[in-house]
Amino acid sequence: MSLRGIGVDIGSIPRIAALVERYGERFIGRWFDASELAEGGSSLASQLASRFAAKEAVWKALRIDGGTSLPWRQIMITSEAPSGRLSVRLEGDLGSRAAALGIGPISVTATVYGDMVVAIALAEQADPQ
């Protein structure tokens, strides 16, 4: 495997909280799948901001042209129990495109500092067979 790309994103927890307050389910449904919301532990705004930044970082690491609409709900960010480590799963057309391009494992991590979130993603390119 070799490195395909690195993605970094910085997000604001208060910004996400304001979007949730203003748009509610419309915002949440556009960006997140129910499986990404099923986990507790931190505040909803902190959890969503971490997932939001992680999705952005993954998208940047993939280096795939998104066309007119970016597939945010096709980038699934969930936590592995009991460690809380984030994991990435690509769904739908994006998952198919990534597989066709030989994109291998994707690693992502996010950390909260004050009211900010920083996420970093690494996408690997599978070696040709």
Protein backbone atom coordinates (compact mmCIF):
# COMPACT_ATOMS: atom_id res chain seq x y z
CA MET A 1 0.00 0.00 0.00
CA SER A 2 1.09 3.55 -0.64
CA LEU A 3 -0.30 6.87 0.49
CA ARG A 4 -2.98 8.29 -1.80
CA GLY A 5 -3.78 11.44 0.10
CA ILE A 6 -3.94 13.33 3.36
CA GLY A 7 -6.85 15.48 4.40
CA VAL A 8 -7.13 17.95 7.27
CA ASP A 9 -10.12 19.94 8.47
CA ILE A 10 -10.77 22.30 11.37
CA GLY A 11 -14.33 22.77 12.57
CA SER A 12 -16.14 24.96 15.04
CA ILE A 13 -18.43 23.31 17.60
CA PRO A 14 -20.45 26.54 18.12
CA ARG A 15 -20.98 26.81 14.34
CA ILE A 16 -22.36 23.27 14.18
CA ALA A 17 -24.52 23.94 17.27
CA ALA A 18 -25.95 27.03 15.55
CA LEU A 19 -26.69 25.05 12.37
CA VAL A 20 -28.46 22.35 14.39
CA GLU A 21 -30.45 24.97 16.29
CA ARG A 22 -31.44 26.85 13.12
CA TYR A 23 -32.08 23.94 10.71
CA GLY A 24 -32.51 20.90 13.00
CA GLU A 25 -33.24 17.66 11.18
CA ARG A 26 -32.80 19.30 7.79
CA PHE A 27 -29.13 19.94 8.54
CA ILE A 28 -28.54 16.65 10.35
CA GLY A 29 -30.27 14.59 7.64
CA ARG A 30 -28.25 16.20 4.87
CA TRP A 31 -24.89 15.40 6.45
CA PHE A 32 -25.34 12.37 8.70
CA ASP A 33 -26.80 8.87 8.67
CA ALA A 34 -28.68 7.55 11.71
CA SER A 35 -25.83 5.11 12.46
CA GLU A 36 -23.49 8.08 12.92
CA LEU A 37 -25.82 9.59 15.52
CA ALA A 38 -26.46 6.46 17.57
CA GLU A 39 -23.44 6.98 19.79
CA GLY A 40 -23.47 8.91 23.04
CA GLY A 41 -20.70 10.21 25.20
CA SER A 42 -20.23 13.82 24.22
CA SER A 43 -22.60 16.65 23.46
CA LEU A 44 -24.52 16.39 20.19
CA ALA A 45 -22.79 19.52 18.82
CA SER A 46 -19.33 18.17 19.69
CA GLN A 47 -20.13 14.76 18.19
CA LEU A 48 -21.53 16.26 14.98
CA ALA A 49 -18.63 18.72 14.65
CA SER A 50 -16.15 15.84 14.99
CA ARG A 51 -17.98 13.79 12.35
CA PHE A 52 -18.36 16.84 10.09
CA ALA A 53 -14.62 17.63 10.22
CA ALA A 54 -13.76 13.95 9.75
CA LYS A 55 -15.96 13.73 6.63
CA GLU A 56 -14.29 16.83 5.19
CA ALA A 57 -10.82 15.42 5.94
CA VAL A 58 -11.71 12.06 4.36
CA TRP A 59 -13.09 13.77 1.25
CA LYS A 60 -9.83 15.74 0.86
CA ALA A 61 -7.71 12.60 1.36
CA LEU A 62 -9.64 10.66 -1.30
CA ARG A 63 -8.80 13.18 -4.04
CA ILE A 64 -11.86 12.24 -6.09
CA ASP A 65 -13.74 14.79 -8.21
CA GLY A 66 -17.15 15.26 -6.61
CA GLY A 67 -18.97 16.74 -9.57
CA THR A 68 -21.84 19.03 -8.66
CA SER A 69 -22.85 17.45 -5.34
CA LEU A 70 -20.56 16.12 -2.65
CA PRO A 71 -21.64 12.77 -1.19
CA TRP A 72 -21.50 13.59 2.54
CA ARG A 73 -23.92 10.83 3.60
CA GLN A 74 -21.81 8.28 1.69
CA ILE A 75 -18.84 8.96 3.99
CA MET A 76 -19.77 7.16 7.19
CA ILE A 77 -17.85 8.06 10.34
CA THR A 78 -18.55 5.89 13.38
CA SER A 79 -16.80 5.10 16.64
CA GLU A 80 -15.43 1.67 17.48
CA ALA A 81 -16.33 0.48 20.97
CA PRO A 82 -14.82 0.52 23.55
CA SER A 83 -11.83 2.58 22.31
CA GLY A 84 -13.88 5.35 20.68
CA ARG A 85 -11.52 5.24 17.71
CA LEU A 86 -13.15 6.63 14.57
CA SER A 87 -13.67 4.37 11.58
CA VAL A 88 -14.56 5.19 7.99
CA ARG A 89 -16.89 3.36 5.64
CA LEU A 90 -17.64 4.56 2.11
CA GLU A 91 -21.13 3.81 0.83
CA GLY A 92 -23.02 3.96 -2.46
CA ASP A 93 -21.51 5.49 -5.58
CA LEU A 94 -18.59 6.90 -3.64
CA GLY A 95 -17.71 3.48 -2.26
CA SER A 96 -17.88 1.99 -5.77
CA ARG A 97 -15.75 4.77 -7.25
CA ALA A 98 -13.15 4.43 -4.49
CA ALA A 99 -12.95 0.66 -5.00
CA ALA A 100 -12.61 1.08 -8.78
CA LEU A 101 -9.75 3.54 -8.20
CA GLY A 102 -8.01 1.06 -5.89
CA ILE A 103 -8.37 3.14 -2.76
CA GLY A 104 -7.59 0.97 0.23
CA PRO A 105 -7.97 1.60 3.93
CA ILE A 106 -8.79 5.09 5.21
CA SER A 107 -7.73 6.16 8.68
CA VAL A 108 -9.18 9.20 10.44
CA THR A 109 -8.78 10.81 13.81
CA ALA A 110 -10.36 13.87 15.37
CA THR A 111 -9.58 15.81 18.50
CA VAL A 112 -11.47 18.53 20.33
CA TYR A 113 -9.62 21.52 21.74
CA GLY A 114 -11.86 24.08 23.42
CA ASP A 115 -14.62 24.82 20.95
CA MET A 116 -12.69 23.60 17.90
CA VAL A 117 -12.27 20.20 16.26
CA VAL A 118 -9.31 19.10 14.15
CA ALA A 119 -9.57 16.00 11.97
CA ILE A 120 -6.89 14.30 9.91
CA ALA A 121 -7.48 11.49 7.39
CA LEU A 122 -5.07 9.25 5.48
CA ALA A 123 -6.21 7.33 2.43
CA GLU A 124 -4.08 4.47 1.16
CA GLN A 125 -3.77 3.36 -2.45
CA ALA A 126 -3.83 -0.39 -2.89
CA ASP A 127 -0.81 -1.76 -4.73
CA PRO A 128 -1.58 -3.15 -8.19
CA GLN A 129 -2.00 -6.92 -8.21
